[in-house]
Amino acid sequence: MSNHLPRRAAVIAPFLFVLCSPAFDVNRAVAQTVNRDAKAVVDFQQRVKDYMTLQQKLAASLPSVPDKATPAQIDERQRTLGKLVIAARKTAKKGEVFGSEMPALVRRLLAPVFKGPDGAEVRQAIFDEPHPVVPAVNVRYPDEVPLSTMPPDILKMLPKLPESLEFRFIGRHLILLDVNAHLIVDVIDNAIPA
């Protein structure tokens, strides 16, 4: 029986080495980060779904726009829907849809794009239009401010959105824009590194 003990120790020792090694701790930390990031995205997508349920309910209460609607009719419906959403979300605060984890995740995902070899070009595409406004939650996107370009490299890094929501930048801030209501749903401050 004593002959089996050294053999067992020889078999178990490599596993103990792996379990106790710094690489194992790194792998565990990476797995925890990936799980935390995945949860942040899933939670964000659920809040987006909840927002869209509210928006669609409010939109259904409005008369439909004719098939060949004029720009004035489309603008009127957009403004009316925006007012309904603002009233329904009168206590909305920054982070209500993005959540507490998404800002750090978005900054971490976008940093390599802006600090990489094409970072200056990506910045230029976004900052091509002036953005003299500091975005606020639950307000109409300013009519006088053109929508920023969203480079494909940025969009690939961000979660998918329903058709009527878009990610846009106002300066260095990332906003969640409700296109149908022309409304800023939520904001991540300083999503673009300085």
N, C-alpha and C. Protein backbone atom coordinates (compact mmCIF):
# COMPACT_ATOMS: atom_id res chain seq x y z
N MET A 1 0.81 -1.19 0.00
CA MET A 1 0.00 0.00 0.00
C MET A 1 0.86 1.26 0.00
N SER A 2 1.98 1.21 0.68
CA SER A 2 2.85 2.39 0.71
C SER A 2 3.45 2.69 -0.65
N ASN A 3 3.54 1.70 -1.56
CA ASN A 3 4.04 1.92 -2.91
C ASN A 3 3.08 2.76 -3.75
N HIS A 4 1.77 2.69 -3.45
CA HIS A 4 0.78 3.43 -4.22
C HIS A 4 0.77 4.92 -3.87
N LEU A 5 1.13 5.28 -2.67
CA LEU A 5 1.10 6.67 -2.23
C LEU A 5 2.03 7.56 -3.06
N PRO A 6 3.29 7.17 -3.32
CA PRO A 6 4.13 8.02 -4.15
C PRO A 6 3.59 8.15 -5.57
N ARG A 7 3.00 7.07 -6.10
CA ARG A 7 2.44 7.17 -7.45
C ARG A 7 1.28 8.15 -7.49
N ARG A 8 0.42 8.09 -6.48
CA ARG A 8 -0.72 9.02 -6.43
C ARG A 8 -0.21 10.46 -6.31
N ALA A 9 0.78 10.65 -5.50
CA ALA A 9 1.34 11.99 -5.34
C ALA A 9 1.93 12.48 -6.66
N ALA A 10 2.57 11.58 -7.39
CA ALA A 10 3.16 11.96 -8.68
C ALA A 10 2.07 12.31 -9.68
N VAL A 11 0.91 11.67 -9.61
CA VAL A 11 -0.20 11.96 -10.53
C VAL A 11 -0.91 13.25 -10.14
N ILE A 12 -1.07 13.47 -8.85
CA ILE A 12 -1.82 14.65 -8.36
C ILE A 12 -0.96 15.91 -8.42
N ALA A 13 0.33 15.80 -8.24
CA ALA A 13 1.20 16.98 -8.17
C ALA A 13 1.05 17.93 -9.36
N PRO A 14 1.03 17.44 -10.62
CA PRO A 14 0.86 18.38 -11.74
C PRO A 14 -0.45 19.15 -11.70
N PHE A 15 -1.53 18.49 -11.24
CA PHE A 15 -2.82 19.19 -11.15
C PHE A 15 -2.79 20.26 -10.08
N LEU A 16 -2.15 19.97 -8.96
CA LEU A 16 -2.01 20.97 -7.91
C LEU A 16 -1.18 22.14 -8.40
N PHE A 17 -0.14 21.86 -9.17
CA PHE A 17 0.70 22.92 -9.71
C PHE A 17 -0.13 23.84 -10.61
N VAL A 18 -0.97 23.25 -11.49
CA VAL A 18 -1.80 24.05 -12.40
C VAL A 18 -2.82 24.86 -11.61
N LEU A 19 -3.47 24.22 -10.64
CA LEU A 19 -4.47 24.92 -9.85
C LEU A 19 -3.89 26.06 -9.03
N CYS A 20 -2.65 25.92 -8.60
CA CYS A 20 -2.02 26.93 -7.76
C CYS A 20 -1.19 27.93 -8.56
N SER A 21 -1.04 27.70 -9.84
CA SER A 21 -0.17 28.57 -10.63
C SER A 21 -0.84 29.90 -10.92
N PRO A 22 -0.04 30.94 -11.15
CA PRO A 22 -0.60 32.25 -11.50
C PRO A 22 -1.42 32.21 -12.78
N ALA A 23 -1.07 31.36 -13.73
CA ALA A 23 -1.82 31.26 -14.99
C ALA A 23 -3.25 30.82 -14.72
N PHE A 24 -3.44 29.92 -13.77
CA PHE A 24 -4.79 29.46 -13.46
C PHE A 24 -5.60 30.62 -12.90
N ASP A 25 -5.00 31.43 -12.02
CA ASP A 25 -5.69 32.60 -11.47
C ASP A 25 -6.04 33.59 -12.58
N VAL A 26 -5.15 33.77 -13.53
CA VAL A 26 -5.41 34.67 -14.66
C VAL A 26 -6.57 34.15 -15.48
N ASN A 27 -6.56 32.84 -15.75
CA ASN A 27 -7.66 32.25 -16.52
C ASN A 27 -8.99 32.41 -15.79
N ARG A 28 -8.97 32.23 -14.50
CA ARG A 28 -10.19 32.39 -13.71
C ARG A 28 -10.65 33.85 -13.76
N ALA A 29 -9.71 34.78 -13.64
CA ALA A 29 -10.04 36.20 -13.69
C ALA A 29 -10.61 36.58 -15.05
N VAL A 30 -10.02 36.03 -16.11
CA VAL A 30 -10.52 36.30 -17.46
C VAL A 30 -11.94 35.76 -17.59
N ALA A 31 -12.16 34.55 -17.11
CA ALA A 31 -13.50 33.95 -17.19
C ALA A 31 -14.51 34.78 -16.41
N GLN A 32 -14.13 35.27 -15.24
CA GLN A 32 -15.04 36.10 -14.45
C GLN A 32 -15.35 37.41 -15.16
N THR A 33 -14.33 38.01 -15.81
CA THR A 33 -14.54 39.25 -16.55
C THR A 33 -15.47 39.02 -17.73
N VAL A 34 -15.24 37.93 -18.46
CA VAL A 34 -16.10 37.61 -19.61
C VAL A 34 -17.53 37.39 -19.14
N ASN A 35 -17.71 36.66 -18.05
CA ASN A 35 -19.05 36.41 -17.53
C ASN A 35 -19.71 37.70 -17.07
N ARG A 36 -18.96 38.58 -16.42
CA ARG A 36 -19.50 39.85 -15.95
C ARG A 36 -19.88 40.72 -17.16
N ASP A 37 -19.04 40.75 -18.18
CA ASP A 37 -19.33 41.52 -19.39
C ASP A 37 -20.56 40.97 -20.10
N ALA A 38 -20.65 39.65 -20.21
CA ALA A 38 -21.81 39.03 -20.86
C ALA A 38 -23.09 39.36 -20.10
N LYS A 39 -23.02 39.32 -18.79
CA LYS A 39 -24.19 39.67 -17.96
C LYS A 39 -24.56 41.13 -18.15
N ALA A 40 -23.57 42.02 -18.22
CA ALA A 40 -23.84 43.44 -18.43
C ALA A 40 -24.59 43.66 -19.75
N VAL A 41 -24.16 42.96 -20.79
CA VAL A 41 -24.80 43.10 -22.11
C VAL A 41 -26.22 42.54 -22.07
N VAL A 42 -26.40 41.36 -21.47
CA VAL A 42 -27.73 40.75 -21.38
C VAL A 42 -28.68 41.66 -20.58
N ASP A 43 -28.19 42.19 -19.48
CA ASP A 43 -29.02 43.09 -18.66
C ASP A 43 -29.37 44.36 -19.45
N PHE A 44 -28.40 44.90 -20.18
CA PHE A 44 -28.64 46.08 -21.02
C PHE A 44 -29.71 45.77 -22.07
N GLN A 45 -29.57 44.64 -22.73
CA GLN A 45 -30.54 44.28 -23.77
C GLN A 45 -31.95 44.10 -23.19
N GLN A 46 -32.05 43.62 -21.96
CA GLN A 46 -33.37 43.51 -21.32
C GLN A 46 -33.95 44.89 -21.05
N ARG A 47 -33.11 45.84 -20.60
CA ARG A 47 -33.60 47.21 -20.36
C ARG A 47 -34.00 47.88 -21.67
N VAL A 48 -33.26 47.59 -22.74
CA VAL A 48 -33.63 48.11 -24.07
C VAL A 48 -34.99 47.55 -24.46
N LYS A 49 -35.18 46.27 -24.26
CA LYS A 49 -36.46 45.63 -24.58
C LYS A 49 -37.60 46.27 -23.78
N ASP A 50 -37.37 46.53 -22.49
CA ASP A 50 -38.38 47.17 -21.65
C ASP A 50 -38.70 48.57 -22.17
N TYR A 51 -37.66 49.31 -22.57
CA TYR A 51 -37.87 50.65 -23.12
C TYR A 51 -38.69 50.56 -24.40
N MET A 52 -38.34 49.63 -25.29
CA MET A 52 -39.04 49.49 -26.56
C MET A 52 -40.51 49.10 -26.35
N THR A 53 -40.78 48.30 -25.34
CA THR A 53 -42.17 47.94 -25.02
C THR A 53 -42.96 49.19 -24.67
N LEU A 54 -42.37 50.06 -23.84
CA LEU A 54 -43.02 51.33 -23.48
C LEU A 54 -43.20 52.20 -24.72
N GLN A 55 -42.14 52.37 -25.49
CA GLN A 55 -42.20 53.25 -26.67
C GLN A 55 -43.25 52.76 -27.66
N GLN A 56 -43.30 51.46 -27.90
CA GLN A 56 -44.26 50.91 -28.86
C GLN A 56 -45.70 51.05 -28.36
N LYS A 57 -45.89 50.91 -27.05
CA LYS A 57 -47.23 51.09 -26.47
C LYS A 57 -47.68 52.53 -26.68
N LEU A 58 -46.78 53.47 -26.43
CA LEU A 58 -47.12 54.89 -26.62
C LEU A 58 -47.35 55.22 -28.09
N ALA A 59 -46.52 54.65 -28.95
CA ALA A 59 -46.67 54.89 -30.39
C ALA A 59 -48.01 54.35 -30.90
N ALA A 60 -48.45 53.23 -30.35
CA ALA A 60 -49.72 52.63 -30.77
C ALA A 60 -50.91 53.50 -30.40
N SER A 61 -50.73 54.37 -29.43
CA SER A 61 -51.83 55.25 -29.02
C SER A 61 -51.99 56.45 -29.96
N LEU A 62 -51.06 56.64 -30.87
CA LEU A 62 -51.11 57.77 -31.80
C LEU A 62 -51.75 57.35 -33.12
N PRO A 63 -52.37 58.31 -33.81
CA PRO A 63 -52.88 57.98 -35.15
C PRO A 63 -51.72 57.62 -36.07
N SER A 64 -51.94 56.71 -36.97
CA SER A 64 -50.86 56.32 -37.87
C SER A 64 -50.60 57.41 -38.91
N VAL A 65 -49.40 57.40 -39.43
CA VAL A 65 -48.99 58.36 -40.43
C VAL A 65 -49.40 57.81 -41.80
N PRO A 66 -49.91 58.66 -42.69
CA PRO A 66 -50.29 58.16 -44.03
C PRO A 66 -49.10 57.55 -44.76
N ASP A 67 -49.37 56.67 -45.71
CA ASP A 67 -48.31 56.02 -46.48
C ASP A 67 -47.38 57.03 -47.13
N LYS A 68 -47.94 58.08 -47.69
CA LYS A 68 -47.14 59.11 -48.34
C LYS A 68 -47.13 60.37 -47.47
N ALA A 69 -46.65 60.19 -46.23
CA ALA A 69 -46.64 61.30 -45.26
C ALA A 69 -45.67 62.38 -45.69
N THR A 70 -46.03 63.60 -45.38
CA THR A 70 -45.14 64.73 -45.65
C THR A 70 -44.10 64.82 -44.54
N PRO A 71 -43.00 65.49 -44.78
CA PRO A 71 -42.03 65.70 -43.71
C PRO A 71 -42.65 66.35 -42.48
N ALA A 72 -43.59 67.25 -42.69
CA ALA A 72 -44.25 67.92 -41.56
C ALA A 72 -45.06 66.92 -40.73
N GLN A 73 -45.75 65.99 -41.40
CA GLN A 73 -46.53 64.98 -40.68
C GLN A 73 -45.61 64.03 -39.89
N ILE A 74 -44.52 63.65 -40.49
CA ILE A 74 -43.55 62.77 -39.81
C ILE A 74 -42.96 63.49 -38.60
N ASP A 75 -42.59 64.76 -38.78
CA ASP A 75 -42.02 65.54 -37.68
C ASP A 75 -43.03 65.71 -36.55
N GLU A 76 -44.27 65.96 -36.89
CA GLU A 76 -45.31 66.13 -35.86
C GLU A 76 -45.49 64.85 -35.05
N ARG A 77 -45.54 63.73 -35.75
CA ARG A 77 -45.69 62.44 -35.03
C ARG A 77 -44.47 62.18 -34.14
N GLN A 78 -43.30 62.45 -34.67
CA GLN A 78 -42.06 62.24 -33.91
C GLN A 78 -42.07 63.10 -32.64
N ARG A 79 -42.44 64.35 -32.77
CA ARG A 79 -42.49 65.26 -31.61
C ARG A 79 -43.54 64.81 -30.60
N THR A 80 -44.70 64.38 -31.10
CA THR A 80 -45.77 63.93 -30.20
C THR A 80 -45.34 62.67 -29.45
N LEU A 81 -44.74 61.72 -30.16
CA LEU A 81 -44.24 60.51 -29.51
C LEU A 81 -43.16 60.87 -28.49
N GLY A 82 -42.27 61.78 -28.85
CA GLY A 82 -41.23 62.21 -27.92
C GLY A 82 -41.82 62.77 -26.63
N LYS A 83 -42.83 63.59 -26.76
CA LYS A 83 -43.48 64.18 -25.56
C LYS A 83 -44.11 63.10 -24.69
N LEU A 84 -44.74 62.11 -25.34
CA LEU A 84 -45.34 61.00 -24.57
C LEU A 84 -44.28 60.19 -23.83
N VAL A 85 -43.16 59.91 -24.50
CA VAL A 85 -42.09 59.14 -23.87
C VAL A 85 -41.48 59.94 -22.72
N ILE A 86 -41.24 61.23 -22.94
CA ILE A 86 -40.68 62.08 -21.88
C ILE A 86 -41.60 62.08 -20.67
N ALA A 87 -42.91 62.21 -20.89
CA ALA A 87 -43.87 62.20 -19.78
C ALA A 87 -43.88 60.86 -19.06
N ALA A 88 -43.82 59.78 -19.82
CA ALA A 88 -43.84 58.44 -19.22
C ALA A 88 -42.56 58.13 -18.45
N ARG A 89 -41.46 58.78 -18.84
CA ARG A 89 -40.16 58.54 -18.19
C ARG A 89 -39.69 59.79 -17.43
N LYS A 90 -40.62 60.52 -16.84
CA LYS A 90 -40.27 61.82 -16.24
C LYS A 90 -39.22 61.72 -15.14
N THR A 91 -39.03 60.55 -14.56
CA THR A 91 -38.01 60.39 -13.53
C THR A 91 -36.74 59.71 -14.06
N ALA A 92 -36.63 59.58 -15.39
CA ALA A 92 -35.48 58.88 -15.99
C ALA A 92 -34.17 59.55 -15.61
N LYS A 93 -33.17 58.72 -15.32
CA LYS A 93 -31.84 59.21 -14.94
C LYS A 93 -30.79 58.56 -15.83
N LYS A 94 -29.65 59.22 -15.89
CA LYS A 94 -28.52 58.68 -16.63
C LYS A 94 -28.18 57.30 -16.08
N GLY A 95 -27.98 56.35 -16.98
CA GLY A 95 -27.64 54.99 -16.58
C GLY A 95 -28.83 54.08 -16.41
N GLU A 96 -30.03 54.61 -16.56
CA GLU A 96 -31.22 53.80 -16.37
C GLU A 96 -31.34 52.67 -17.40
N VAL A 97 -30.91 52.92 -18.62
CA VAL A 97 -30.97 51.89 -19.66
C VAL A 97 -29.59 51.24 -19.83
N PHE A 98 -28.53 52.04 -19.86
CA PHE A 98 -27.20 51.46 -20.00
C PHE A 98 -26.85 50.61 -18.78
N GLY A 99 -27.29 51.00 -17.60
CA GLY A 99 -26.97 50.26 -16.39
C GLY A 99 -25.63 50.69 -15.82
N SER A 100 -25.26 50.09 -14.71
CA SER A 100 -24.03 50.48 -14.02
C SER A 100 -22.77 49.86 -14.61
N GLU A 101 -22.89 48.71 -15.30
CA GLU A 101 -21.72 48.00 -15.82
C GLU A 101 -21.35 48.40 -17.25
N MET A 102 -22.33 48.81 -18.04
CA MET A 102 -22.08 49.08 -19.46
C MET A 102 -21.10 50.23 -19.72
N PRO A 103 -21.13 51.32 -18.96
CA PRO A 103 -20.17 52.39 -19.27
C PRO A 103 -18.71 51.94 -19.25
N ALA A 104 -18.32 51.20 -18.22
CA ALA A 104 -16.94 50.72 -18.14
C ALA A 104 -16.65 49.73 -19.27
N LEU A 105 -17.60 48.87 -19.58
CA LEU A 105 -17.42 47.90 -20.66
C LEU A 105 -17.26 48.62 -22.00
N VAL A 106 -18.12 49.59 -22.27
CA VAL A 106 -18.04 50.34 -23.54
C VAL A 106 -16.71 51.07 -23.65
N ARG A 107 -16.29 51.73 -22.58
CA ARG A 107 -15.00 52.43 -22.62
C ARG A 107 -13.85 51.46 -22.89
N ARG A 108 -13.91 50.29 -22.25
CA ARG A 108 -12.86 49.29 -22.44
C ARG A 108 -12.87 48.74 -23.87
N LEU A 109 -14.05 48.54 -24.44
CA LEU A 109 -14.16 48.03 -25.80
C LEU A 109 -13.70 49.06 -26.84
N LEU A 110 -14.02 50.33 -26.60
CA LEU A 110 -13.72 51.37 -27.58
C LEU A 110 -12.28 51.89 -27.49
N ALA A 111 -11.66 51.79 -26.34
CA ALA A 111 -10.30 52.35 -26.16
C ALA A 111 -9.32 51.85 -27.21
N PRO A 112 -9.24 50.55 -27.52
CA PRO A 112 -8.28 50.10 -28.53
C PRO A 112 -8.55 50.69 -29.92
N VAL A 113 -9.81 50.93 -30.24
CA VAL A 113 -10.14 51.50 -31.54
C VAL A 113 -9.60 52.92 -31.65
N PHE A 114 -9.81 53.71 -30.60
CA PHE A 114 -9.39 55.12 -30.63
C PHE A 114 -7.90 55.29 -30.40
N LYS A 115 -7.28 54.34 -29.71
CA LYS A 115 -5.84 54.43 -29.45
C LYS A 115 -5.02 53.66 -30.48
N GLY A 116 -5.69 52.94 -31.37
CA GLY A 116 -5.00 52.14 -32.39
C GLY A 116 -4.51 52.97 -33.55
N PRO A 117 -3.94 52.32 -34.55
CA PRO A 117 -3.34 53.03 -35.69
C PRO A 117 -4.34 53.86 -36.49
N ASP A 118 -5.62 53.47 -36.48
CA ASP A 118 -6.64 54.22 -37.22
C ASP A 118 -7.46 55.13 -36.31
N GLY A 119 -7.02 55.28 -35.06
CA GLY A 119 -7.78 56.05 -34.07
C GLY A 119 -8.04 57.49 -34.49
N ALA A 120 -7.05 58.15 -35.04
CA ALA A 120 -7.23 59.55 -35.45
C ALA A 120 -8.27 59.66 -36.56
N GLU A 121 -8.25 58.71 -37.48
CA GLU A 121 -9.21 58.71 -38.59
C GLU A 121 -10.63 58.46 -38.08
N VAL A 122 -10.77 57.56 -37.12
CA VAL A 122 -12.08 57.26 -36.54
C VAL A 122 -12.61 58.48 -35.81
N ARG A 123 -11.74 59.12 -35.03
CA ARG A 123 -12.13 60.36 -34.33
C ARG A 123 -12.60 61.42 -35.31
N GLN A 124 -11.84 61.58 -36.38
CA GLN A 124 -12.17 62.59 -37.39
C GLN A 124 -13.54 62.35 -37.98
N ALA A 125 -13.86 61.09 -38.26
CA ALA A 125 -15.17 60.76 -38.82
C ALA A 125 -16.29 61.13 -37.85
N ILE A 126 -16.07 60.89 -36.57
CA ILE A 126 -17.09 61.19 -35.55
C ILE A 126 -17.18 62.69 -35.31
N PHE A 127 -16.05 63.36 -35.21
CA PHE A 127 -16.03 64.78 -34.88
C PHE A 127 -16.12 65.67 -36.11
N ASP A 128 -16.46 65.07 -37.26
CA ASP A 128 -16.59 65.83 -38.50
C ASP A 128 -17.65 66.92 -38.36
N GLU A 129 -18.69 66.63 -37.61
CA GLU A 129 -19.76 67.59 -37.36
C GLU A 129 -19.58 68.19 -35.96
N PRO A 130 -19.85 69.49 -35.80
CA PRO A 130 -19.71 70.10 -34.47
C PRO A 130 -20.80 69.59 -33.52
N HIS A 131 -20.43 69.42 -32.28
CA HIS A 131 -21.39 68.96 -31.26
C HIS A 131 -21.29 69.87 -30.05
N PRO A 132 -21.93 71.04 -30.13
CA PRO A 132 -21.80 72.02 -29.05
C PRO A 132 -22.73 71.76 -27.87
N VAL A 133 -23.30 70.57 -27.80
CA VAL A 133 -24.32 70.27 -26.80
C VAL A 133 -23.80 69.21 -25.84
N VAL A 134 -24.13 69.36 -24.57
CA VAL A 134 -23.87 68.29 -23.60
C VAL A 134 -25.17 67.49 -23.52
N PRO A 135 -25.13 66.19 -23.85
CA PRO A 135 -26.37 65.43 -23.91
C PRO A 135 -26.97 65.19 -22.54
N ALA A 136 -28.29 65.15 -22.51
CA ALA A 136 -29.03 64.86 -21.29
C ALA A 136 -30.06 63.78 -21.58
N VAL A 137 -30.37 63.01 -20.58
CA VAL A 137 -31.31 61.90 -20.71
C VAL A 137 -32.73 62.44 -20.79
N ASN A 138 -33.53 61.80 -21.64
CA ASN A 138 -34.96 62.07 -21.75
C ASN A 138 -35.26 63.46 -22.29
N VAL A 139 -34.42 63.92 -23.21
CA VAL A 139 -34.69 65.18 -23.91
C VAL A 139 -34.57 64.94 -25.41
N ARG A 140 -35.20 65.80 -26.17
CA ARG A 140 -35.16 65.70 -27.63
C ARG A 140 -33.73 65.96 -28.10
N TYR A 141 -33.28 65.15 -29.05
CA TYR A 141 -31.98 65.40 -29.67
C TYR A 141 -32.08 66.75 -30.37
N PRO A 142 -31.11 67.62 -30.17
CA PRO A 142 -31.21 68.97 -30.73
C PRO A 142 -31.33 68.95 -32.26
N ASP A 143 -32.35 69.65 -32.76
CA ASP A 143 -32.60 69.69 -34.20
C ASP A 143 -31.44 70.33 -34.96
N GLU A 144 -30.74 71.25 -34.32
CA GLU A 144 -29.67 71.99 -35.01
C GLU A 144 -28.34 71.24 -35.02
N VAL A 145 -28.26 70.10 -34.33
CA VAL A 145 -27.02 69.34 -34.26
C VAL A 145 -27.12 68.13 -35.20
N PRO A 146 -26.27 68.07 -36.22
CA PRO A 146 -26.31 66.91 -37.12
C PRO A 146 -25.94 65.63 -36.37
N LEU A 147 -26.50 64.53 -36.82
CA LEU A 147 -26.14 63.23 -36.22
C LEU A 147 -24.72 62.87 -36.62
N SER A 148 -23.97 62.36 -35.66
CA SER A 148 -22.58 61.97 -35.92
C SER A 148 -22.52 60.71 -36.78
N THR A 149 -21.43 60.57 -37.49
CA THR A 149 -21.15 59.35 -38.23
C THR A 149 -20.79 58.26 -37.23
N MET A 150 -21.27 57.06 -37.45
CA MET A 150 -20.90 55.93 -36.59
C MET A 150 -20.05 54.97 -37.42
N PRO A 151 -18.71 55.03 -37.25
CA PRO A 151 -17.84 54.15 -38.02
C PRO A 151 -18.15 52.68 -37.77
N PRO A 152 -18.04 51.85 -38.81
CA PRO A 152 -18.34 50.41 -38.66
C PRO A 152 -17.50 49.74 -37.57
N ASP A 153 -16.23 50.17 -37.38
CA ASP A 153 -15.39 49.57 -36.34
C ASP A 153 -16.00 49.77 -34.95
N ILE A 154 -16.65 50.89 -34.76
CA ILE A 154 -17.29 51.17 -33.47
C ILE A 154 -18.54 50.32 -33.32
N LEU A 155 -19.38 50.31 -34.35
CA LEU A 155 -20.63 49.56 -34.27
C LEU A 155 -20.40 48.07 -34.05
N LYS A 156 -19.31 47.52 -34.60
CA LYS A 156 -19.01 46.10 -34.39
C LYS A 156 -18.73 45.79 -32.93
N MET A 157 -18.24 46.78 -32.18
CA MET A 157 -17.87 46.56 -30.79
C MET A 157 -19.08 46.63 -29.84
N LEU A 158 -20.17 47.24 -30.30
CA LEU A 158 -21.31 47.50 -29.42
C LEU A 158 -22.42 46.47 -29.63
N PRO A 159 -23.26 46.28 -28.60
CA PRO A 159 -24.37 45.32 -28.74
C PRO A 159 -25.34 45.75 -29.85
N LYS A 160 -26.00 44.78 -30.43
CA LYS A 160 -27.02 45.04 -31.46
C LYS A 160 -28.22 45.73 -30.80
N LEU A 161 -28.84 46.61 -31.58
CA LEU A 161 -30.01 47.34 -31.09
C LEU A 161 -31.20 47.09 -32.00
N PRO A 162 -32.43 47.28 -31.46
CA PRO A 162 -33.60 47.21 -32.34
C PRO A 162 -33.52 48.32 -33.39
N GLU A 163 -34.27 48.17 -34.45
CA GLU A 163 -34.18 49.07 -35.59
C GLU A 163 -34.40 50.54 -35.24
N SER A 164 -35.24 50.85 -34.30
CA SER A 164 -35.56 52.25 -34.01
C SER A 164 -34.65 52.89 -32.96
N LEU A 165 -33.64 52.16 -32.50
CA LEU A 165 -32.66 52.73 -31.57
C LEU A 165 -31.29 52.73 -32.24
N GLU A 166 -30.50 53.76 -31.94
CA GLU A 166 -29.16 53.86 -32.51
C GLU A 166 -28.19 54.36 -31.46
N PHE A 167 -26.93 53.94 -31.60
CA PHE A 167 -25.84 54.55 -30.85
C PHE A 167 -25.36 55.74 -31.68
N ARG A 168 -25.10 56.86 -31.02
CA ARG A 168 -24.53 58.04 -31.66
C ARG A 168 -23.61 58.71 -30.67
N PHE A 169 -22.73 59.54 -31.18
CA PHE A 169 -21.86 60.34 -30.33
C PHE A 169 -22.29 61.79 -30.36
N ILE A 170 -22.24 62.42 -29.21
CA ILE A 170 -22.30 63.87 -29.10
C ILE A 170 -21.01 64.23 -28.39
N GLY A 171 -20.06 64.79 -29.13
CA GLY A 171 -18.73 65.00 -28.57
C GLY A 171 -18.14 63.65 -28.21
N ARG A 172 -17.62 63.54 -26.99
CA ARG A 172 -17.03 62.28 -26.53
C ARG A 172 -18.05 61.35 -25.88
N HIS A 173 -19.29 61.81 -25.79
CA HIS A 173 -20.33 61.05 -25.09
C HIS A 173 -21.08 60.15 -26.06
N LEU A 174 -21.34 58.92 -25.63
CA LEU A 174 -22.13 57.98 -26.42
C LEU A 174 -23.57 58.07 -25.95
N ILE A 175 -24.48 58.24 -26.90
CA ILE A 175 -25.90 58.29 -26.53
C ILE A 175 -26.63 57.11 -27.15
N LEU A 176 -27.75 56.79 -26.54
CA LEU A 176 -28.70 55.84 -27.09
C LEU A 176 -29.85 56.71 -27.59
N LEU A 177 -30.06 56.71 -28.90
CA LEU A 177 -31.03 57.59 -29.54
C LEU A 177 -32.25 56.82 -30.01
N ASP A 178 -33.42 57.26 -29.59
CA ASP A 178 -34.68 56.73 -30.11
C ASP A 178 -34.98 57.51 -31.39
N VAL A 179 -34.82 56.87 -32.52
CA VAL A 179 -34.99 57.53 -33.81
C VAL A 179 -36.44 57.95 -34.03
N ASN A 180 -37.39 57.11 -33.63
CA ASN A 180 -38.80 57.41 -33.86
C ASN A 180 -39.29 58.60 -33.04
N ALA A 181 -38.69 58.82 -31.88
CA ALA A 181 -39.09 59.95 -31.03
C ALA A 181 -38.05 61.06 -31.05
N HIS A 182 -36.92 60.84 -31.74
CA HIS A 182 -35.80 61.80 -31.81
C HIS A 182 -35.39 62.21 -30.39
N LEU A 183 -35.22 61.20 -29.55
CA LEU A 183 -35.05 61.40 -28.12
C LEU A 183 -33.79 60.72 -27.61
N ILE A 184 -33.09 61.37 -26.71
CA ILE A 184 -31.91 60.77 -26.07
C ILE A 184 -32.42 59.91 -24.91
N VAL A 185 -32.26 58.61 -25.06
CA VAL A 185 -32.77 57.66 -24.07
C VAL A 185 -31.80 57.52 -22.91
N ASP A 186 -30.50 57.49 -23.21
CA ASP A 186 -29.49 57.36 -22.15
C ASP A 186 -28.14 57.84 -22.69
N VAL A 187 -27.20 58.06 -21.77
CA VAL A 187 -25.89 58.63 -22.11
C VAL A 187 -24.79 57.91 -21.35
N ILE A 188 -23.66 57.66 -22.03
CA ILE A 188 -22.44 57.25 -21.36
C ILE A 188 -21.45 58.41 -21.54
N ASP A 189 -21.12 59.07 -20.45
CA ASP A 189 -20.18 60.19 -20.50
C ASP A 189 -18.78 59.70 -20.88
N ASN A 190 -18.10 60.49 -21.68
CA ASN A 190 -16.69 60.27 -22.02
C ASN A 190 -16.41 58.83 -22.48
N ALA A 191 -17.24 58.34 -23.39
CA ALA A 191 -17.01 57.00 -23.95
C ALA A 191 -15.78 56.99 -24.84
N ILE A 192 -15.44 58.13 -25.44
CA ILE A 192 -14.24 58.24 -26.26
C ILE A 192 -13.13 58.73 -25.35
N PRO A 193 -12.00 58.02 -25.30
CA PRO A 193 -10.89 58.46 -24.42
C PRO A 193 -10.37 59.82 -24.85
N ALA A 194 -9.87 60.57 -23.88
CA ALA A 194 -9.33 61.91 -24.16
C ALA A 194 -8.07 61.83 -24.98
